[in-house]
Amino acid sequence: MTERLTAARMRAVEQAAINSGDVTGLELMERAGRGVVEAVFDERPKLAATSHRAVVLCGPGNNGGDGFVVARLLKERGWEVDVFLYGAPAKLPPNARTNYERWAALGPTQRYCPDHLLKAGKIAHEAGVDEWVVVDALFGIGQRAPLDDVCAPFNALLDAAFDENTAPTPFMVNIDLPTGYDADTGEALARRPFPADLIVTFHGAKPIHAMPHMADAILRIVDIGL
């Protein structure tokens, strides 16, 4: 059986690569974000053919930094991109902060809250988009309970899309794993975790990826040179 990387093991692998001097954390973050974009286009080729709309949900750690890279790369391709940050820019770790600033040169970052997310869904509907992408870059392998308050704002957007037909159902792209689950045990950390259509992880699969409740999602493992 192929070894599945626990959160602690994955962090150790990344840190060893950085300590070796062969790669920097910033380079790994760039590779991760680029790998996410390439995985999306591989799975949905029509998204690569023309510009679309994306909502990128960035968390307070390095997973959020990956999200800022994704946002920048999509924006550079002509996409309309709405970025939301859970947390304060000043508290981001250094590499994530660098990518936040790179994104800030291209577009604004909004606070992650129900009102702002619902407005983004309404804009998507009014723009007549036939497909939009949501990138879940909130926590990745670093999730801890409880996460109900974190999941609630985005779930409000999903409810509005279904109940009021305010926007097409988004294509959900999760970096490492959906928000609301423990990477090692697969335990739900919220009453209503995020859905998943495409999960993009790095270097190797994590324990949660083998669990039954992830079976309907497409899993892509991206080599970032570790």
Foldseek 3Di string as FASTA:
>chain_A
DDDAAAPVRVVVVVVVCCVVVVDHPLLLLLLLLVVLVVVVCVVPVVCVVAAEEEEEEAAQESLSLSSLSNQVVSVVRVYHYAAEYADDLVRHPDSSNVSVVVSVVPDDYHHQAQVVLLVVLLVQQVVVGPAYAYEASHAAQNDDAACAVVQVSVVSNVCCCVVVVSHPDYQYEYENDWPQAHQAPRDGNHPDTDDHAEYEYEDRHTNNCPDPVNVNHHYHYDYSPD
